[in-house]
């Protein structure tokens, strides 16, 4: 065995040792990739039911919002009707009630004036 053959043998052993040392981290990296693949599969498997639940919740919420919108619209119409009824009541009864109140006030003042004048005449 010559020195060249010995150097080649040492180089080959060093290369085998280097491959052996690098094989372990590659093996571990392969395990990490396997775990990552399993995690992604589990995540995607549990994401589908979660998305179904979110879809159901959004659909239910939209239905409730439609109901709230209808209630709000009905309340707005009721408010407008009450406002119109109040205006009608004020226009129909407001003026006559004011006239009756003014007339009754005038009658009370006349009676008060007459009764106070009659008392002055008796004393004098």
N, C-alpha and C. Protein backbone atom coordinates (compact mmCIF):
# COMPACT_ATOMS: atom_id res chain seq x y z
N UNK A 1 0.86 -1.15 0.00
CA UNK A 1 0.00 0.00 0.00
C UNK A 1 0.92 1.22 0.00
N UNK A 2 0.62 2.02 -0.96
CA UNK A 2 1.46 3.21 -1.11
C UNK A 2 0.85 4.37 -0.34
N UNK A 3 1.56 5.44 -0.28
CA UNK A 3 1.09 6.62 0.45
C UNK A 3 -0.13 7.20 -0.24
N UNK A 4 -0.19 7.14 -1.53
CA UNK A 4 -1.34 7.65 -2.26
C UNK A 4 -2.59 6.84 -1.96
N UNK A 5 -2.41 5.50 -1.90
CA UNK A 5 -3.55 4.65 -1.58
C UNK A 5 -4.01 4.89 -0.14
N UNK A 6 -3.04 5.07 0.75
CA UNK A 6 -3.36 5.33 2.16
C UNK A 6 -4.10 6.66 2.29
N UNK A 7 -3.65 7.67 1.56
CA UNK A 7 -4.31 8.98 1.61
C UNK A 7 -5.73 8.86 1.05
N UNK A 8 -5.89 8.07 -0.01
CA UNK A 8 -7.23 7.87 -0.59
C UNK A 8 -8.14 7.15 0.39
N UNK A 9 -7.59 6.15 1.11
CA UNK A 9 -8.37 5.42 2.08
C UNK A 9 -8.79 6.33 3.23
N UNK A 10 -7.86 7.17 3.70
CA UNK A 10 -8.18 8.11 4.79
C UNK A 10 -9.23 9.11 4.31
N UNK A 11 -9.12 9.58 3.09
CA UNK A 11 -10.10 10.54 2.54
C UNK A 11 -11.47 9.87 2.44
N UNK A 12 -11.51 8.61 2.02
CA UNK A 12 -12.79 7.91 1.89
C UNK A 12 -13.43 7.70 3.26
N UNK A 13 -12.60 7.32 4.26
CA UNK A 13 -13.13 7.16 5.62
C UNK A 13 -13.63 8.49 6.18
N UNK A 14 -12.89 9.55 5.91
CA UNK A 14 -13.32 10.87 6.38
C UNK A 14 -14.64 11.25 5.71
N UNK A 15 -14.77 10.92 4.42
CA UNK A 15 -16.01 11.23 3.73
C UNK A 15 -17.17 10.42 4.30
N UNK A 16 -16.97 9.15 4.60
CA UNK A 16 -18.00 8.31 5.19
C UNK A 16 -18.38 8.85 6.57
N UNK A 17 -17.38 9.25 7.34
CA UNK A 17 -17.65 9.83 8.66
C UNK A 17 -18.43 11.14 8.53
N UNK A 18 -18.08 11.96 7.58
CA UNK A 18 -18.80 13.22 7.35
C UNK A 18 -20.24 12.95 6.95
N UNK A 19 -20.45 11.97 6.08
CA UNK A 19 -21.81 11.61 5.66
C UNK A 19 -22.59 11.08 6.86
N UNK A 20 -21.95 10.30 7.71
CA UNK A 20 -22.60 9.78 8.91
C UNK A 20 -22.98 10.89 9.87
N UNK A 21 -22.10 11.86 10.05
CA UNK A 21 -22.38 12.99 10.95
C UNK A 21 -23.51 13.84 10.39
N UNK A 22 -23.55 14.04 9.11
CA UNK A 22 -24.61 14.86 8.50
C UNK A 22 -25.92 14.08 8.35
N UNK A 23 -25.89 12.78 8.40
CA UNK A 23 -27.10 11.98 8.25
C UNK A 23 -28.03 12.16 9.45
N UNK A 24 -27.48 12.28 10.65
CA UNK A 24 -28.32 12.42 11.84
C UNK A 24 -29.16 13.70 11.81
N UNK A 25 -28.59 14.89 11.55
CA UNK A 25 -29.44 16.09 11.45
C UNK A 25 -30.47 15.99 10.32
N UNK A 26 -30.09 15.33 9.21
CA UNK A 26 -31.06 15.16 8.12
C UNK A 26 -32.19 14.24 8.56
N UNK A 27 -31.86 13.21 9.32
CA UNK A 27 -32.89 12.31 9.85
C UNK A 27 -33.83 13.09 10.77
N UNK A 28 -33.27 13.92 11.67
CA UNK A 28 -34.09 14.73 12.57
C UNK A 28 -34.95 15.72 11.77
N UNK A 29 -34.39 16.31 10.76
CA UNK A 29 -35.14 17.25 9.92
C UNK A 29 -36.30 16.55 9.22
N UNK A 30 -36.08 15.31 8.80
CA UNK A 30 -37.16 14.53 8.21
C UNK A 30 -38.29 14.29 9.21
N UNK A 31 -37.93 14.01 10.49
CA UNK A 31 -38.95 13.85 11.54
C UNK A 31 -39.73 15.14 11.74
N UNK A 32 -39.04 16.29 11.72
CA UNK A 32 -39.71 17.58 11.87
C UNK A 32 -40.70 17.79 10.73
N UNK A 33 -40.29 17.45 9.51
CA UNK A 33 -41.19 17.59 8.37
C UNK A 33 -42.40 16.66 8.49
N UNK A 34 -42.18 15.44 9.00
CA UNK A 34 -43.31 14.53 9.22
C UNK A 34 -44.29 15.10 10.24
N UNK A 35 -43.78 15.62 11.34
CA UNK A 35 -44.64 16.23 12.37
C UNK A 35 -45.38 17.44 11.81
N UNK A 36 -44.69 18.23 11.01
CA UNK A 36 -45.32 19.40 10.40
C UNK A 36 -46.44 18.96 9.47
N UNK A 37 -46.20 17.91 8.69
CA UNK A 37 -47.22 17.40 7.79
C UNK A 37 -48.44 16.91 8.57
N UNK A 38 -48.21 16.21 9.67
CA UNK A 38 -49.32 15.73 10.50
C UNK A 38 -50.09 16.89 11.14
N UNK A 39 -49.35 17.88 11.60
CA UNK A 39 -50.00 19.05 12.21
C UNK A 39 -50.86 19.79 11.20
N UNK A 40 -50.35 19.96 9.99
CA UNK A 40 -51.11 20.64 8.95
C UNK A 40 -52.35 19.84 8.60
N UNK A 41 -52.23 18.52 8.54
CA UNK A 41 -53.39 17.68 8.24
C UNK A 41 -54.44 17.79 9.34
N UNK A 42 -54.00 17.74 10.61
CA UNK A 42 -54.95 17.88 11.72
C UNK A 42 -55.60 19.26 11.72
N UNK A 43 -54.81 20.27 11.45
CA UNK A 43 -55.33 21.64 11.43
C UNK A 43 -56.36 21.81 10.33
N UNK A 44 -56.07 21.28 9.15
CA UNK A 44 -57.03 21.40 8.05
C UNK A 44 -58.26 20.56 8.32
N UNK A 45 -58.09 19.43 9.01
CA UNK A 45 -59.24 18.60 9.35
C UNK A 45 -60.15 19.27 10.36
N UNK A 46 -59.59 20.02 11.30
CA UNK A 46 -60.42 20.70 12.30
C UNK A 46 -60.88 22.07 11.82
N UNK A 47 -60.27 22.57 10.77
CA UNK A 47 -60.67 23.89 10.26
C UNK A 47 -62.00 23.82 9.53
N UNK A 48 -62.28 22.72 8.89
CA UNK A 48 -63.52 22.59 8.12
C UNK A 48 -64.75 22.67 9.04
N UNK A 49 -64.80 21.91 10.16
CA UNK A 49 -65.96 22.08 11.05
C UNK A 49 -66.03 23.48 11.65
N UNK A 50 -64.88 24.06 11.93
CA UNK A 50 -64.87 25.42 12.48
C UNK A 50 -65.44 26.40 11.47
N UNK A 51 -65.07 26.26 10.22
CA UNK A 51 -65.63 27.14 9.18
C UNK A 51 -67.12 26.91 9.01
N UNK A 52 -67.56 25.67 9.16
CA UNK A 52 -69.00 25.39 9.10
C UNK A 52 -69.73 26.09 10.24
N UNK A 53 -69.15 26.06 11.43
CA UNK A 53 -69.77 26.74 12.58
C UNK A 53 -69.81 28.25 12.37
N UNK A 54 -68.73 28.79 11.83
CA UNK A 54 -68.69 30.25 11.57
C UNK A 54 -69.74 30.61 10.53
N UNK A 55 -69.88 29.79 9.51
CA UNK A 55 -70.88 30.05 8.47
C UNK A 55 -72.29 30.02 9.06
N UNK A 56 -72.55 29.05 9.93
CA UNK A 56 -73.86 28.97 10.58
C UNK A 56 -74.11 30.18 11.45
N UNK A 57 -73.08 30.60 12.20
CA UNK A 57 -73.23 31.77 13.07
C UNK A 57 -73.51 33.03 12.26
N UNK A 58 -72.79 33.21 11.17
CA UNK A 58 -72.99 34.39 10.33
C UNK A 58 -74.39 34.37 9.71
N UNK A 59 -74.84 33.20 9.28
CA UNK A 59 -76.19 33.09 8.70
C UNK A 59 -77.26 33.44 9.73
N UNK A 60 -77.09 32.92 10.94
CA UNK A 60 -78.05 33.22 12.01
C UNK A 60 -78.04 34.70 12.36
N UNK A 61 -76.84 35.28 12.43
CA UNK A 61 -76.73 36.70 12.74
C UNK A 61 -77.38 37.56 11.66
N UNK A 62 -77.19 37.18 10.41
CA UNK A 62 -77.83 37.93 9.32
C UNK A 62 -79.35 37.84 9.42
N UNK A 63 -79.87 36.68 9.80
CA UNK A 63 -81.31 36.55 9.98
C UNK A 63 -81.83 37.46 11.09
N UNK A 64 -81.08 37.51 12.19
CA UNK A 64 -81.48 38.39 13.31
C UNK A 64 -81.40 39.86 12.89
N UNK A 65 -80.40 40.22 12.12
CA UNK A 65 -80.29 41.61 11.65
C UNK A 65 -81.45 41.98 10.74
N UNK A 66 -81.93 41.04 9.95
CA UNK A 66 -83.10 41.31 9.11
C UNK A 66 -84.31 41.57 9.99
N UNK A 67 -84.45 40.79 11.07
CA UNK A 67 -85.56 41.02 12.01
C UNK A 67 -85.45 42.38 12.68
N UNK A 68 -84.24 42.73 13.11
CA UNK A 68 -84.04 44.03 13.76
C UNK A 68 -84.34 45.16 12.79
N UNK A 69 -83.96 44.98 11.53
CA UNK A 69 -84.25 45.99 10.52
C UNK A 69 -85.76 46.16 10.35
N UNK A 70 -86.48 45.06 10.33
CA UNK A 70 -87.95 45.14 10.20
C UNK A 70 -88.56 45.83 11.41
N UNK A 71 -88.07 45.51 12.60
CA UNK A 71 -88.59 46.15 13.82
C UNK A 71 -88.30 47.64 13.79
N UNK A 72 -87.10 48.01 13.38
CA UNK A 72 -86.73 49.43 13.30
C UNK A 72 -87.62 50.16 12.30
N UNK A 73 -87.87 49.54 11.17
CA UNK A 73 -88.73 50.15 10.16
C UNK A 73 -90.14 50.34 10.71
N UNK A 74 -90.67 49.33 11.41
CA UNK A 74 -92.01 49.44 11.99
C UNK A 74 -92.07 50.54 13.05
N UNK A 75 -91.02 50.65 13.86
CA UNK A 75 -90.99 51.72 14.87
C UNK A 75 -90.94 53.10 14.22
N UNK A 76 -90.22 53.23 13.13
CA UNK A 76 -90.17 54.51 12.42
C UNK A 76 -91.54 54.86 11.87
N UNK A 77 -92.23 53.89 11.30
CA UNK A 77 -93.58 54.14 10.79
C UNK A 77 -94.53 54.51 11.92
N UNK A 78 -94.43 53.82 13.04
CA UNK A 78 -95.28 54.13 14.20
C UNK A 78 -95.01 55.54 14.70
N UNK A 79 -93.76 55.91 14.75
CA UNK A 79 -93.40 57.26 15.20
C UNK A 79 -93.97 58.31 14.26
N UNK A 80 -93.90 58.06 12.96
CA UNK A 80 -94.48 59.00 12.00
C UNK A 80 -96.00 59.09 12.17
N UNK A 81 -96.64 57.96 12.40
CA UNK A 81 -98.10 57.97 12.59
C UNK A 81 -98.50 58.72 13.86
N UNK A 82 -97.74 58.53 14.94
CA UNK A 82 -98.04 59.25 16.18
C UNK A 82 -97.83 60.75 15.98
N UNK A 83 -96.79 61.12 15.25
CA UNK A 83 -96.54 62.52 14.97
C UNK A 83 -97.67 63.13 14.14
N UNK A 84 -98.14 62.41 13.14
CA UNK A 84 -99.25 62.90 12.31
C UNK A 84 -100.53 63.00 13.14
N UNK A 85 -100.76 62.02 14.02
CA UNK A 85 -101.95 62.06 14.87
C UNK A 85 -101.89 63.24 15.83
N UNK A 86 -100.70 63.52 16.36
CA UNK A 86 -100.55 64.67 17.26
C UNK A 86 -100.81 65.98 16.52
N UNK A 87 -100.30 66.10 15.30
CA UNK A 87 -100.55 67.30 14.51
C UNK A 87 -102.04 67.45 14.21
N UNK A 88 -102.69 66.34 13.86
CA UNK A 88 -104.12 66.37 13.57
C UNK A 88 -104.91 66.76 14.81
N UNK A 89 -104.55 66.20 15.96
CA UNK A 89 -105.23 66.53 17.20
C UNK A 89 -105.05 68.01 17.54
N UNK A 90 -103.85 68.52 17.37
CA UNK A 90 -103.59 69.93 17.67
C UNK A 90 -104.36 70.84 16.71
N UNK A 91 -104.43 70.46 15.45
CA UNK A 91 -105.14 71.29 14.47
C UNK A 91 -106.64 71.23 14.69
N UNK A 92 -107.16 70.06 15.09
CA UNK A 92 -108.61 69.91 15.22
C UNK A 92 -109.11 70.46 16.54
N UNK A 93 -108.48 70.08 17.62
CA UNK A 93 -108.99 70.47 18.93
C UNK A 93 -108.24 71.63 19.55
N UNK A 94 -107.06 71.91 19.07
CA UNK A 94 -106.24 72.96 19.69
C UNK A 94 -106.88 74.32 19.63
N UNK A 95 -107.31 74.73 18.47
CA UNK A 95 -107.90 76.06 18.31
C UNK A 95 -109.22 76.19 19.08
N UNK A 96 -110.16 75.27 18.98
CA UNK A 96 -111.39 75.41 19.76
C UNK A 96 -111.15 75.38 21.26
N UNK A 97 -110.21 74.56 21.72
CA UNK A 97 -109.93 74.51 23.16
C UNK A 97 -109.37 75.84 23.63
N UNK A 98 -108.51 76.45 22.83
CA UNK A 98 -107.96 77.76 23.19
C UNK A 98 -109.10 78.79 23.23
N UNK A 99 -110.00 78.72 22.28
CA UNK A 99 -111.12 79.68 22.26
C UNK A 99 -112.03 79.49 23.47
N UNK A 100 -112.31 78.24 23.83
CA UNK A 100 -113.15 77.98 25.00
C UNK A 100 -112.45 78.46 26.26
N UNK A 101 -111.14 78.23 26.36
CA UNK A 101 -110.40 78.68 27.54
C UNK A 101 -110.41 80.20 27.62
N UNK A 102 -110.22 80.87 26.47
CA UNK A 102 -110.24 82.32 26.48
C UNK A 102 -111.63 82.85 26.85
N UNK A 103 -112.68 82.22 26.32
CA UNK A 103 -114.03 82.64 26.64
C UNK A 103 -114.32 82.45 28.14
N UNK A 104 -113.93 81.29 28.68
CA UNK A 104 -114.19 81.05 30.09
C UNK A 104 -113.38 82.02 30.96
N UNK A 105 -112.20 82.35 30.56
CA UNK A 105 -111.41 83.32 31.31
C UNK A 105 -112.09 84.69 31.29
N UNK A 106 -112.60 85.07 30.10
CA UNK A 106 -113.31 86.35 30.01
C UNK A 106 -114.56 86.36 30.87
N UNK A 107 -115.30 85.27 30.88
CA UNK A 107 -116.51 85.18 31.71
C UNK A 107 -116.15 85.29 33.18
N UNK A 108 -115.08 84.61 33.61
CA UNK A 108 -114.66 84.68 35.01
C UNK A 108 -114.23 86.09 35.39
N UNK A 109 -113.52 86.75 34.48
CA UNK A 109 -113.11 88.13 34.76
C UNK A 109 -114.31 89.06 34.85
N UNK A 110 -115.30 88.84 33.97
CA UNK A 110 -116.51 89.67 34.01
C UNK A 110 -117.26 89.47 35.31
N UNK A 111 -117.41 88.23 35.72
CA UNK A 111 -118.08 87.97 37.00
C UNK A 111 -117.28 88.55 38.16
N UNK A 112 -115.98 88.43 38.08
CA UNK A 112 -115.15 88.98 39.16
C UNK A 112 -115.27 90.51 39.19
N UNK A 113 -115.27 91.12 38.04
CA UNK A 113 -115.40 92.58 37.99
C UNK A 113 -116.77 93.01 38.47
N UNK A 114 -117.77 92.30 38.05
CA UNK A 114 -119.13 92.66 38.43
C UNK A 114 -119.34 92.46 39.92
N UNK A 115 -118.83 91.33 40.46
CA UNK A 115 -119.03 91.11 41.88
C UNK A 115 -118.17 92.08 42.70
N UNK A 116 -117.01 92.46 42.26
CA UNK A 116 -116.22 93.44 43.02
C UNK A 116 -116.83 94.84 42.89
N UNK A 117 -117.42 95.18 41.76
CA UNK A 117 -118.10 96.49 41.59
C UNK A 117 -119.36 96.56 42.41
N UNK A 118 -120.08 95.50 42.52
CA UNK A 118 -121.31 95.49 43.31
C UNK A 118 -120.99 95.67 44.78
N UNK A 119 -119.91 95.15 45.25
CA UNK A 119 -119.55 95.30 46.64
C UNK A 119 -119.15 96.75 46.93
N UNK A 120 -118.49 97.40 46.02
CA UNK A 120 -118.10 98.79 46.24
C UNK A 120 -119.31 99.68 46.31
N UNK A 121 -120.32 99.39 45.49
CA UNK A 121 -121.52 100.22 45.49
C UNK A 121 -122.29 100.11 46.78
N UNK A 122 -122.31 99.02 47.44
CA UNK A 122 -123.05 98.83 48.67
C UNK A 122 -122.39 99.56 49.82
N UNK A 123 -121.11 99.63 49.83
CA UNK A 123 -120.41 100.28 50.92
C UNK A 123 -120.53 101.80 50.82
N UNK A 124 -120.53 102.28 49.71
CA UNK A 124 -120.46 103.71 49.56
C UNK A 124 -121.70 104.41 49.72
